[in-house]
Structures are given as C-alpha cells and as structure tokens.
Amino acid sequence: MKRRLFTVLFVSALLAGCSMPTTTVKTVDSRPGISISGAPDDALLLLDGVKVGNAANYNGEPNILIVEPGTHRVVVQQGATVIFDQLIFVDTETKRISVR
C-alpha cells in the first residue's frame, strides 16, 4: 500500500514539473495620432468633417486621437466660430497641433 502511494505521489510530482510553458503576446498600436494643445474647454473637434468630440480632451495628456496615416482636415470650432482649420499630413508619429 505504501509503495503504491509513493508511486502515485512520485508520478504526480513528475507530471506537475512537466507543465506547458506560457507565452504572452502584446500588440502595440502603431498608428499615428493627433494631439490638440491650446483649445478652449468648450471647443469642438472635427476630423475630415466628422464630429469627434471636445477638442480639449485630446491634449495628449494622456489622450490622443488615433488616426490612419494620410492627409486629414482638422477643424476646431468654438460655437459657430472656426478657430482652427488646416489640412495636415500624419505619418508615423503623433502630430501636435497648437490652436492659439
């Protein structure tokens, strides 16, 4: 009986030592981004004619707007007044835009 118990414990210990290794893969988002500095708190951000949200939210601390590489029209509006309107080219890094 003791020999059988010893054999079971020995085999269990061997199998526990043979567990499969684990691998963790992390994917980094390498798309470029846009950050807006100097935008008033109530300013609206439009990217290529689409309302994105409050421009002050994308000040780069910590939020940036992730975009596809290429040319984009960036418009910042405060009420009905356009305070920034520019075509920008974004390639591989974060483009920082200063509104004032």
PDB file of N, CA and C in Angstrom:
ATOM      1  N   MET A   1       0.823  -1.182   0.000  1.00  0.00           N
ATOM      2  CA  MET A   1       0.000   0.000   0.000  1.00  0.00           C
ATOM      3  C   MET A   1       0.874   1.255   0.000  1.00  0.00           C
ATOM      4  N   LYS A   2       1.933   1.234   0.841  1.00  0.00           N
ATOM      5  CA  LYS A   2       2.827   2.386   0.898  1.00  0.00           C
ATOM      6  C   LYS A   2       3.561   2.567  -0.426  1.00  0.00           C
ATOM      7  N   ARG A   3       3.900   1.458  -1.027  1.00  0.00           N
ATOM      8  CA  ARG A   3       4.626   1.539  -2.300  1.00  0.00           C
ATOM      9  C   ARG A   3       3.726   2.144  -3.376  1.00  0.00           C
ATOM     10  N   ARG A   4       2.446   1.768  -3.397  1.00  0.00           N
ATOM     11  CA  ARG A   4       1.525   2.300  -4.387  1.00  0.00           C
ATOM     12  C   ARG A   4       1.309   3.802  -4.156  1.00  0.00           C
ATOM     13  N   LEU A   5       1.162   4.221  -2.895  1.00  0.00           N
ATOM     14  CA  LEU A   5       1.000   5.632  -2.558  1.00  0.00           C
ATOM     15  C   LEU A   5       2.251   6.420  -2.969  1.00  0.00           C
ATOM     16  N   PHE A   6       3.405   5.854  -2.693  1.00  0.00           N
ATOM     17  CA  PHE A   6       4.657   6.510  -3.094  1.00  0.00           C
ATOM     18  C   PHE A   6       4.747   6.645  -4.614  1.00  0.00           C
ATOM     19  N   THR A   7       4.335   5.619  -5.347  1.00  0.00           N
ATOM     20  CA  THR A   7       4.374   5.644  -6.802  1.00  0.00           C
ATOM     21  C   THR A   7       3.421   6.716  -7.346  1.00  0.00           C
ATOM     22  N   VAL A   8       2.231   6.807  -6.786  1.00  0.00           N
ATOM     23  CA  VAL A   8       1.263   7.804  -7.233  1.00  0.00           C
ATOM     24  C   VAL A   8       1.798   9.207  -6.962  1.00  0.00           C
ATOM     25  N   LEU A   9       2.362   9.437  -5.786  1.00  0.00           N
ATOM     26  CA  LEU A   9       2.924  10.756  -5.461  1.00  0.00           C
ATOM     27  C   LEU A   9       4.113  11.096  -6.357  1.00  0.00           C
ATOM     28  N   PHE A  10       4.938  10.107  -6.637  1.00  0.00           N
ATOM     29  CA  PHE A  10       6.106  10.335  -7.490  1.00  0.00           C
ATOM     30  C   PHE A  10       5.691  10.689  -8.915  1.00  0.00           C
ATOM     31  N   VAL A  11       4.723   9.976  -9.467  1.00  0.00           N
ATOM     32  CA  VAL A  11       4.239  10.245 -10.821  1.00  0.00           C
ATOM     33  C   VAL A  11       3.549  11.601 -10.867  1.00  0.00           C
ATOM     34  N   SER A  12       2.798  11.955  -9.831  1.00  0.00           N
ATOM     35  CA  SER A  12       2.136  13.266  -9.772  1.00  0.00           C
ATOM     36  C   SER A  12       3.156  14.394  -9.764  1.00  0.00           C
ATOM     37  N   ALA A  13       4.228  14.207  -9.001  1.00  0.00           N
ATOM     38  CA  ALA A  13       5.279  15.227  -8.944  1.00  0.00           C
ATOM     39  C   ALA A  13       5.961  15.377 -10.302  1.00  0.00           C
ATOM     40  N   LEU A  14       6.193  14.289 -10.986  1.00  0.00           N
ATOM     41  CA  LEU A  14       6.809  14.355 -12.315  1.00  0.00           C
ATOM     42  C   LEU A  14       5.905  15.073 -13.298  1.00  0.00           C
ATOM     43  N   LEU A  15       4.619  14.771 -13.272  1.00  0.00           N
ATOM     44  CA  LEU A  15       3.689  15.419 -14.195  1.00  0.00           C
ATOM     45  C   LEU A  15       3.531  16.904 -13.889  1.00  0.00           C
ATOM     46  N   ALA A  16       3.568  17.274 -12.637  1.00  0.00           N
ATOM     47  CA  ALA A  16       3.450  18.685 -12.267  1.00  0.00           C
ATOM     48  C   ALA A  16       4.656  19.470 -12.769  1.00  0.00           C
ATOM     49  N   GLY A  17       5.807  18.847 -12.811  1.00  0.00           N
ATOM     50  CA  GLY A  17       7.013  19.503 -13.301  1.00  0.00           C
ATOM     51  C   GLY A  17       7.047  19.628 -14.815  1.00  0.00           C
ATOM     52  N   CYS A  18       6.179  18.930 -15.502  1.00  0.00           N
ATOM     53  CA  CYS A  18       6.154  18.949 -16.965  1.00  0.00           C
ATOM     54  C   CYS A  18       5.050  19.840 -17.517  1.00  0.00           C
ATOM     55  N   SER A  19       4.637  20.826 -16.790  1.00  0.00           N
ATOM     56  CA  SER A  19       3.553  21.685 -17.290  1.00  0.00           C
ATOM     57  C   SER A  19       4.052  22.491 -18.478  1.00  0.00           C
ATOM     58  N   MET A  20       3.118  22.887 -19.324  1.00  0.00           N
ATOM     59  CA  MET A  20       3.446  23.617 -20.542  1.00  0.00           C
ATOM     60  C   MET A  20       3.839  25.055 -20.208  1.00  0.00           C
ATOM     61  N   PRO A  21       4.820  25.586 -20.914  1.00  0.00           N
ATOM     62  CA  PRO A  21       5.187  26.990 -20.687  1.00  0.00           C
ATOM     63  C   PRO A  21       4.095  27.918 -21.221  1.00  0.00           C
ATOM     64  N   THR A  22       3.996  29.086 -20.637  1.00  0.00           N
ATOM     65  CA  THR A  22       3.010  30.057 -21.085  1.00  0.00           C
ATOM     66  C   THR A  22       3.708  31.194 -21.808  1.00  0.00           C
ATOM     67  N   THR A  23       3.040  31.718 -22.813  1.00  0.00           N
ATOM     68  CA  THR A  23       3.578  32.824 -23.599  1.00  0.00           C
ATOM     69  C   THR A  23       2.536  33.920 -23.662  1.00  0.00           C
ATOM     70  N   THR A  24       2.955  35.152 -23.433  1.00  0.00           N
ATOM     71  CA  THR A  24       2.064  36.297 -23.521  1.00  0.00           C
ATOM     72  C   THR A  24       2.511  37.157 -24.689  1.00  0.00           C
ATOM     73  N   VAL A  25       1.570  37.462 -25.578  1.00  0.00           N
ATOM     74  CA  VAL A  25       1.863  38.299 -26.729  1.00  0.00           C
ATOM     75  C   VAL A  25       1.088  39.598 -26.571  1.00  0.00           C
ATOM     76  N   LYS A  26       1.792  40.722 -26.649  1.00  0.00           N
ATOM     77  CA  LYS A  26       1.145  42.023 -26.556  1.00  0.00           C
ATOM     78  C   LYS A  26       1.303  42.740 -27.885  1.00  0.00           C
ATOM     79  N   THR A  27       0.220  43.336 -28.359  1.00  0.00           N
ATOM     80  CA  THR A  27       0.248  44.072 -29.605  1.00  0.00           C
ATOM     81  C   THR A  27       0.251  45.559 -29.310  1.00  0.00           C
ATOM     82  N   VAL A  28       1.165  46.270 -29.916  1.00  0.00           N
ATOM     83  CA  VAL A  28       1.265  47.710 -29.742  1.00  0.00           C
ATOM     84  C   VAL A  28       0.582  48.386 -30.921  1.00  0.00           C
ATOM     85  N   ASP A  29      -0.275  49.365 -30.613  1.00  0.00           N
ATOM     86  CA  ASP A  29      -0.949  50.107 -31.670  1.00  0.00           C
ATOM     87  C   ASP A  29       0.046  51.108 -32.250  1.00  0.00           C
ATOM     88  N   SER A  30       0.458  50.893 -33.478  1.00  0.00           N
ATOM     89  CA  SER A  30       1.494  51.737 -34.077  1.00  0.00           C
ATOM     90  C   SER A  30       0.925  52.806 -35.006  1.00  0.00           C
ATOM     91  N   ARG A  31      -0.398  52.992 -34.975  1.00  0.00           N
ATOM     92  CA  ARG A  31      -1.000  54.023 -35.821  1.00  0.00           C
ATOM     93  C   ARG A  31      -0.652  55.395 -35.258  1.00  0.00           C
ATOM     94  N   PRO A  32      -0.540  56.391 -36.135  1.00  0.00           N
ATOM     95  CA  PRO A  32      -0.218  57.747 -35.671  1.00  0.00           C
ATOM     96  C   PRO A  32      -1.405  58.383 -34.964  1.00  0.00           C
ATOM     97  N   GLY A  33      -1.140  59.514 -34.334  1.00  0.00           N
ATOM     98  CA  GLY A  33      -2.195  60.208 -33.613  1.00  0.00           C
ATOM     99  C   GLY A  33      -2.071  61.717 -33.755  1.00  0.00           C
ATOM    100  N   ILE A  34      -3.085  62.400 -33.243  1.00  0.00           N
ATOM    101  CA  ILE A  34      -3.120  63.862 -33.244  1.00  0.00           C
ATOM    102  C   ILE A  34      -3.410  64.306 -31.824  1.00  0.00           C
ATOM    103  N   SER A  35      -2.657  65.303 -31.353  1.00  0.00           N
ATOM    104  CA  SER A  35      -2.971  65.925 -30.072  1.00  0.00           C
ATOM    105  C   SER A  35      -3.181  67.417 -30.308  1.00  0.00           C
ATOM    106  N   ILE A  36      -4.109  67.992 -29.575  1.00  0.00           N
ATOM    107  CA  ILE A  36      -4.502  69.393 -29.735  1.00  0.00           C
ATOM    108  C   ILE A  36      -4.120  70.147 -28.468  1.00  0.00           C
ATOM    109  N   SER A  37      -3.303  71.174 -28.598  1.00  0.00           N
ATOM    110  CA  SER A  37      -2.970  71.995 -27.430  1.00  0.00           C
ATOM    111  C   SER A  37      -3.555  73.392 -27.607  1.00  0.00           C
ATOM    112  N   GLY A  38      -3.954  73.991 -26.503  1.00  0.00           N
ATOM    113  CA  GLY A  38      -4.450  75.354 -26.524  1.00  0.00           C
ATOM    114  C   GLY A  38      -5.897  75.503 -26.919  1.00  0.00           C
ATOM    115  N   ALA A  39      -6.644  74.429 -27.024  1.00  0.00           N
ATOM    116  CA  ALA A  39      -8.056  74.524 -27.398  1.00  0.00           C
ATOM    117  C   ALA A  39      -8.879  74.902 -26.172  1.00  0.00           C
ATOM    118  N   PRO A  40      -9.849  75.803 -26.331  1.00  0.00           N
ATOM    119  CA  PRO A  40     -10.732  76.136 -25.211  1.00  0.00           C
ATOM    120  C   PRO A  40     -11.534  74.907 -24.764  1.00  0.00           C
ATOM    121  N   ASP A  41     -11.987  74.930 -23.520  1.00  0.00           N
ATOM    122  CA  ASP A  41     -12.712  73.777 -22.959  1.00  0.00           C
ATOM    123  C   ASP A  41     -13.999  73.459 -23.702  1.00  0.00           C
ATOM    124  N   ASP A  42     -14.635  74.471 -24.308  1.00  0.00           N
ATOM    125  CA  ASP A  42     -15.906  74.228 -24.988  1.00  0.00           C
ATOM    126  C   ASP A  42     -15.769  74.096 -26.500  1.00  0.00           C
ATOM    127  N   ALA A  43     -14.543  73.918 -26.993  1.00  0.00           N
ATOM    128  CA  ALA A  43     -14.302  73.822 -28.435  1.00  0.00           C
ATOM    129  C   ALA A  43     -14.589  72.412 -28.937  1.00  0.00           C
ATOM    130  N   LEU A  44     -15.118  72.327 -30.132  1.00  0.00           N
ATOM    131  CA  LEU A  44     -15.473  71.066 -30.772  1.00  0.00           C
ATOM    132  C   LEU A  44     -14.411  70.702 -31.804  1.00  0.00           C
ATOM    133  N   LEU A  45     -14.012  69.445 -31.846  1.00  0.00           N
ATOM    134  CA  LEU A  45     -13.023  68.954 -32.805  1.00  0.00           C
ATOM    135  C   LEU A  45     -13.731  68.182 -33.908  1.00  0.00           C
ATOM    136  N   LEU A  46     -13.421  68.546 -35.151  1.00  0.00           N
ATOM    137  CA  LEU A  46     -13.924  67.821 -36.316  1.00  0.00           C
ATOM    138  C   LEU A  46     -12.731  67.296 -37.102  1.00  0.00           C
ATOM    139  N   LEU A  47     -12.794  66.044 -37.483  1.00  0.00           N
ATOM    140  CA  LEU A  47     -11.746  65.430 -38.290  1.00  0.00           C
ATOM    141  C   LEU A  47     -12.374  64.962 -39.588  1.00  0.00           C
ATOM    142  N   ASP A  48     -11.928  65.536 -40.684  1.00  0.00           N
ATOM    143  CA  ASP A  48     -12.461  65.214 -42.011  1.00  0.00           C
ATOM    144  C   ASP A  48     -13.985  65.386 -42.058  1.00  0.00           C
ATOM    145  N   GLY A  49     -14.482  66.426 -41.398  1.00  0.00           N
ATOM    146  CA  GLY A  49     -15.906  66.730 -41.414  1.00  0.00           C
ATOM    147  C   GLY A  49     -16.749  65.956 -40.421  1.00  0.00           C
ATOM    148  N   VAL A  50     -16.138  65.083 -39.631  1.00  0.00           N
ATOM    149  CA  VAL A  50     -16.864  64.266 -38.663  1.00  0.00           C
ATOM    150  C   VAL A  50     -16.595  64.791 -37.251  1.00  0.00           C
ATOM    151  N   LYS A  51     -17.670  65.029 -36.476  1.00  0.00           N
ATOM    152  CA  LYS A  51     -17.511  65.497 -35.105  1.00  0.00           C
ATOM    153  C   LYS A  51     -16.863  64.393 -34.264  1.00  0.00           C
ATOM    154  N   VAL A  52     -15.755  64.754 -33.625  1.00  0.00           N
ATOM    155  CA  VAL A  52     -15.031  63.788 -32.815  1.00  0.00           C
ATOM    156  C   VAL A  52     -15.348  63.973 -31.336  1.00  0.00           C
ATOM    157  N   GLY A  53     -15.532  65.216 -30.922  1.00  0.00           N
ATOM    158  CA  GLY A  53     -15.817  65.490 -29.519  1.00  0.00           C
ATOM    159  C   GLY A  53     -15.148  66.778 -29.093  1.00  0.00           C
ATOM    160  N   ASN A  54     -14.998  66.934 -27.799  1.00  0.00           N
ATOM    161  CA  ASN A  54     -14.369  68.116 -27.226  1.00  0.00           C
ATOM    162  C   ASN A  54     -12.876  68.122 -27.567  1.00  0.00           C
ATOM    163  N   ALA A  55     -12.400  69.207 -28.168  1.00  0.00           N
ATOM    164  CA  ALA A  55     -11.001  69.283 -28.596  1.00  0.00           C
ATOM    165  C   ALA A  55     -10.039  69.231 -27.418  1.00  0.00           C
ATOM    166  N   ALA A  56     -10.446  69.773 -26.274  1.00  0.00           N
ATOM    167  CA  ALA A  56      -9.566  69.783 -25.096  1.00  0.00           C
ATOM    168  C   ALA A  56      -9.327  68.374 -24.548  1.00  0.00           C
ATOM    169  N   ASN A  57     -10.186  67.421 -24.891  1.00  0.00           N
ATOM    170  CA  ASN A  57      -9.996  66.041 -24.428  1.00  0.00           C
ATOM    171  C   ASN A  57      -8.801  65.367 -25.093  1.00  0.00           C
ATOM    172  N   TYR A  58      -8.359  65.873 -26.225  1.00  0.00           N
ATOM    173  CA  TYR A  58      -7.263  65.254 -26.983  1.00  0.00           C
ATOM    174  C   TYR A  58      -5.990  66.099 -26.882  1.00  0.00           C
ATOM    175  N   ASN A  59      -5.644  66.492 -25.671  1.00  0.00           N
ATOM    176  CA  ASN A  59      -4.484  67.356 -25.471  1.00  0.00           C
ATOM    177  C   ASN A  59      -3.182  66.584 -25.296  1.00  0.00           C
ATOM    178  N   GLY A  60      -3.223  65.298 -25.414  1.00  0.00           N
ATOM    179  CA  GLY A  60      -2.011  64.497 -25.293  1.00  0.00           C
ATOM    180  C   GLY A  60      -1.665  64.126 -23.875  1.00  0.00           C
ATOM    181  N   GLU A  61      -2.460  64.541 -22.927  1.00  0.00           N
ATOM    182  CA  GLU A  61      -2.180  64.262 -21.516  1.00  0.00           C
ATOM    183  C   GLU A  61      -3.379  63.623 -20.863  1.00  0.00           C
ATOM    184  N   PRO A  62      -3.689  62.402 -21.009  1.00  0.00           N
ATOM    185  CA  PRO A  62      -2.985  61.340 -21.716  1.00  0.00           C
ATOM    186  C   PRO A  62      -3.593  61.015 -23.071  1.00  0.00           C
ATOM    187  N   ASN A  63      -4.720  61.619 -23.439  1.00  0.00           N
ATOM    188  CA  ASN A  63      -5.450  61.182 -24.632  1.00  0.00           C
ATOM    189  C   ASN A  63      -4.942  61.827 -25.912  1.00  0.00           C
ATOM    190  N   ILE A  64      -4.823  60.994 -26.940  1.00  0.00           N
ATOM    191  CA  ILE A  64      -4.578  61.480 -28.297  1.00  0.00           C
ATOM    192  C   ILE A  64      -5.628  60.853 -29.196  1.00  0.00           C
ATOM    193  N   LEU A  65      -5.842  61.462 -30.336  1.00  0.00           N
ATOM    194  CA  LEU A  65      -6.795  60.930 -31.309  1.00  0.00           C
ATOM    195  C   LEU A  65      -6.021  60.050 -32.285  1.00  0.00           C
ATOM    196  N   ILE A  66      -6.302  58.747 -32.282  1.00  0.00           N
ATOM    197  CA  ILE A  66      -5.626  57.806 -33.177  1.00  0.00           C
ATOM    198  C   ILE A  66      -6.267  57.931 -34.563  1.00  0.00           C
ATOM    199  N   VAL A  67      -5.434  58.108 -35.597  1.00  0.00           N
ATOM    200  CA  VAL A  67      -5.918  58.262 -36.966  1.00  0.00           C
ATOM    201  C   VAL A  67      -5.130  57.342 -37.888  1.00  0.00           C
ATOM    202  N   GLU A  68      -5.661  57.143 -39.056  1.00  0.00           N
ATOM    203  CA  GLU A  68      -4.928  56.400 -40.084  1.00  0.00           C
ATOM    204  C   GLU A  68      -3.914  57.344 -40.733  1.00  0.00           C
ATOM    205  N   PRO A  69      -2.780  56.830 -41.197  1.00  0.00           N
ATOM    206  CA  PRO A  69      -1.808  57.692 -41.872  1.00  0.00           C
ATOM    207  C   PRO A  69      -2.423  58.346 -43.103  1.00  0.00           C
ATOM    208  N   GLY A  70      -2.019  59.584 -43.365  1.00  0.00           N
ATOM    209  CA  GLY A  70      -2.517  60.284 -44.539  1.00  0.00           C
ATOM    210  C   GLY A  70      -2.834  61.730 -44.232  1.00  0.00           C
ATOM    211  N   THR A  71      -3.527  62.373 -45.159  1.00  0.00           N
ATOM    212  CA  THR A  71      -3.896  63.779 -45.026  1.00  0.00           C
ATOM    213  C   THR A  71      -5.290  63.884 -44.421  1.00  0.00           C
ATOM    214  N   HIS A  72      -5.424  64.757 -43.437  1.00  0.00           N
ATOM    215  CA  HIS A  72      -6.689  64.950 -42.738  1.00  0.00           C
ATOM    216  C   HIS A  72      -6.954  66.443 -42.570  1.00  0.00           C
ATOM    217  N   ARG A  73      -8.223  66.831 -42.631  1.00  0.00           N
ATOM    218  CA  ARG A  73      -8.613  68.205 -42.324  1.00  0.00           C
ATOM    219  C   ARG A  73      -9.022  68.237 -40.862  1.00  0.00           C
ATOM    220  N   VAL A  74      -8.336  69.090 -40.093  1.00  0.00           N
ATOM    221  CA  VAL A  74      -8.619  69.266 -38.675  1.00  0.00           C
ATOM    222  C   VAL A  74      -9.266  70.636 -38.493  1.00  0.00           C
ATOM    223  N   VAL A  75     -10.463  70.637 -37.908  1.00  0.00           N
ATOM    224  CA  VAL A  75     -11.196  71.875 -37.655  1.00  0.00           C
ATOM    225  C   VAL A  75     -11.541  71.916 -36.171  1.00  0.00           C
ATOM    226  N   VAL A  76     -11.281  73.079 -35.543  1.00  0.00           N
ATOM    227  CA  VAL A  76     -11.687  73.299 -34.157  1.00  0.00           C
ATOM    228  C   VAL A  76     -12.652  74.473 -34.167  1.00  0.00           C
ATOM    229  N   GLN A  77     -13.844  74.251 -33.624  1.00  0.00           N
ATOM    230  CA  GLN A  77     -14.888  75.268 -33.585  1.00  0.00           C
ATOM    231  C   GLN A  77     -15.229  75.611 -32.146  1.00  0.00           C
ATOM    232  N   GLN A  78     -15.442  76.886 -31.919  1.00  0.00           N
ATOM    233  CA  GLN A  78     -15.955  77.330 -30.626  1.00  0.00           C
ATOM    234  C   GLN A  78     -17.295  78.005 -30.912  1.00  0.00           C
ATOM    235  N   GLY A  79     -18.380  77.300 -30.600  1.00  0.00           N
ATOM    236  CA  GLY A  79     -19.698  77.768 -31.001  1.00  0.00           C
ATOM    237  C   GLY A  79     -19.811  77.678 -32.512  1.00  0.00           C
ATOM    238  N   ALA A  80     -20.194  78.793 -33.148  1.00  0.00           N
ATOM    239  CA  ALA A  80     -20.306  78.827 -34.612  1.00  0.00           C
ATOM    240  C   ALA A  80     -19.029  79.347 -35.270  1.00  0.00           C
ATOM    241  N   THR A  81     -18.015  79.704 -34.461  1.00  0.00           N
ATOM    242  CA  THR A  81     -16.776  80.293 -34.970  1.00  0.00           C
ATOM    243  C   THR A  81     -15.703  79.228 -35.151  1.00  0.00           C
ATOM    244  N   VAL A  82     -15.123  79.169 -36.334  1.00  0.00           N
ATOM    245  CA  VAL A  82     -13.995  78.266 -36.596  1.00  0.00           C
ATOM    246  C   VAL A  82     -12.722  78.962 -36.116  1.00  0.00           C
ATOM    247  N   ILE A  83     -12.046  78.353 -35.136  1.00  0.00           N
ATOM    248  CA  ILE A  83     -10.821  78.964 -34.608  1.00  0.00           C
ATOM    249  C   ILE A  83      -9.559  78.282 -35.138  1.00  0.00           C
ATOM    250  N   PHE A  84      -9.725  77.128 -35.808  1.00  0.00           N
ATOM    251  CA  PHE A  84      -8.585  76.443 -36.423  1.00  0.00           C
ATOM    252  C   PHE A  84      -9.119  75.590 -37.560  1.00  0.00           C
ATOM    253  N   ASP A  85      -8.488  75.681 -38.719  1.00  0.00           N
ATOM    254  CA  ASP A  85      -8.879  74.883 -39.877  1.00  0.00           C
ATOM    255  C   ASP A  85      -7.628  74.658 -40.712  1.00  0.00           C
ATOM    256  N   GLN A  86      -7.173  73.410 -40.788  1.00  0.00           N
ATOM    257  CA  GLN A  86      -5.931  73.143 -41.508  1.00  0.00           C
ATOM    258  C   GLN A  86      -5.910  71.707 -42.012  1.00  0.00           C
ATOM    259  N   LEU A  87      -5.324  71.517 -43.195  1.00  0.00           N
ATOM    260  CA  LEU A  87      -5.015  70.177 -43.696  1.00  0.00           C
ATOM    261  C   LEU A  87      -3.670  69.779 -43.123  1.00  0.00           C
ATOM    262  N   ILE A  88      -3.591  68.594 -42.553  1.00  0.00           N
ATOM    263  CA  ILE A  88      -2.315  68.119 -42.002  1.00  0.00           C
ATOM    264  C   ILE A  88      -2.039  66.731 -42.559  1.00  0.00           C
ATOM    265  N   PHE A  89      -0.765  66.411 -42.649  1.00  0.00           N
ATOM    266  CA  PHE A  89      -0.346  65.081 -43.062  1.00  0.00           C
ATOM    267  C   PHE A  89       0.217  64.377 -41.841  1.00  0.00           C
ATOM    268  N   VAL A  90      -0.318  63.222 -41.547  1.00  0.00           N
ATOM    269  CA  VAL A  90       0.115  62.431 -40.400  1.00  0.00           C
ATOM    270  C   VAL A  90       0.712  61.140 -40.936  1.00  0.00           C
ATOM    271  N   ASP A  91       1.936  60.824 -40.487  1.00  0.00           N
ATOM    272  CA  ASP A  91       2.545  59.598 -40.996  1.00  0.00           C
ATOM    273  C   ASP A  91       2.796  58.573 -39.893  1.00  0.00           C
ATOM    274  N   THR A  92       3.894  58.623 -39.193  1.00  0.00           N
ATOM    275  CA  THR A  92       4.241  57.546 -38.273  1.00  0.00           C
ATOM    276  C   THR A  92       4.305  57.961 -36.816  1.00  0.00           C
ATOM    277  N   GLU A  93       4.008  59.181 -36.506  1.00  0.00           N
ATOM    278  CA  GLU A  93       4.135  59.621 -35.123  1.00  0.00           C
ATOM    279  C   GLU A  93       2.940  60.494 -34.754  1.00  0.00           C
ATOM    280  N   THR A  94       2.914  60.949 -33.515  1.00  0.00           N
ATOM    281  CA  THR A  94       1.843  61.831 -33.075  1.00  0.00           C
ATOM    282  C   THR A  94       2.144  63.254 -33.514  1.00  0.00           C
ATOM    283  N   LYS A  95       1.181  63.851 -34.179  1.00  0.00           N
ATOM    284  CA  LYS A  95       1.295  65.229 -34.661  1.00  0.00           C
ATOM    285  C   LYS A  95       0.666  66.131 -33.612  1.00  0.00           C
ATOM    286  N   ARG A  96       1.418  67.132 -33.138  1.00  0.00           N
ATOM    287  CA  ARG A  96       0.918  68.064 -32.123  1.00  0.00           C
ATOM    288  C   ARG A  96       0.468  69.338 -32.819  1.00  0.00           C
ATOM    289  N   ILE A  97      -0.786  69.719 -32.598  1.00  0.00           N
ATOM    290  CA  ILE A  97      -1.359  70.917 -33.204  1.00  0.00           C
ATOM    291  C   ILE A  97      -1.594  71.952 -32.115  1.00  0.00           C
ATOM    292  N   SER A  98      -1.128  73.161 -32.363  1.00  0.00           N
ATOM    293  CA  SER A  98      -1.346  74.262 -31.429  1.00  0.00           C
ATOM    294  C   SER A  98      -2.455  75.161 -31.984  1.00  0.00           C
ATOM    295  N   VAL A  99      -3.516  75.339 -31.214  1.00  0.00           N
ATOM    296  CA  VAL A  99      -4.673  76.104 -31.689  1.00  0.00           C
ATOM    297  C   VAL A  99      -4.459  77.602 -31.555  1.00  0.00           C
ATOM    298  N   ARG A 100      -3.704  78.073 -30.623  1.00  0.00           N
ATOM    299  CA  ARG A 100      -3.524  79.527 -30.480  1.00  0.00           C
ATOM    300  C   ARG A 100      -2.085  79.905 -30.424  1.00  0.00           C
TER     301      ARG A 100
END
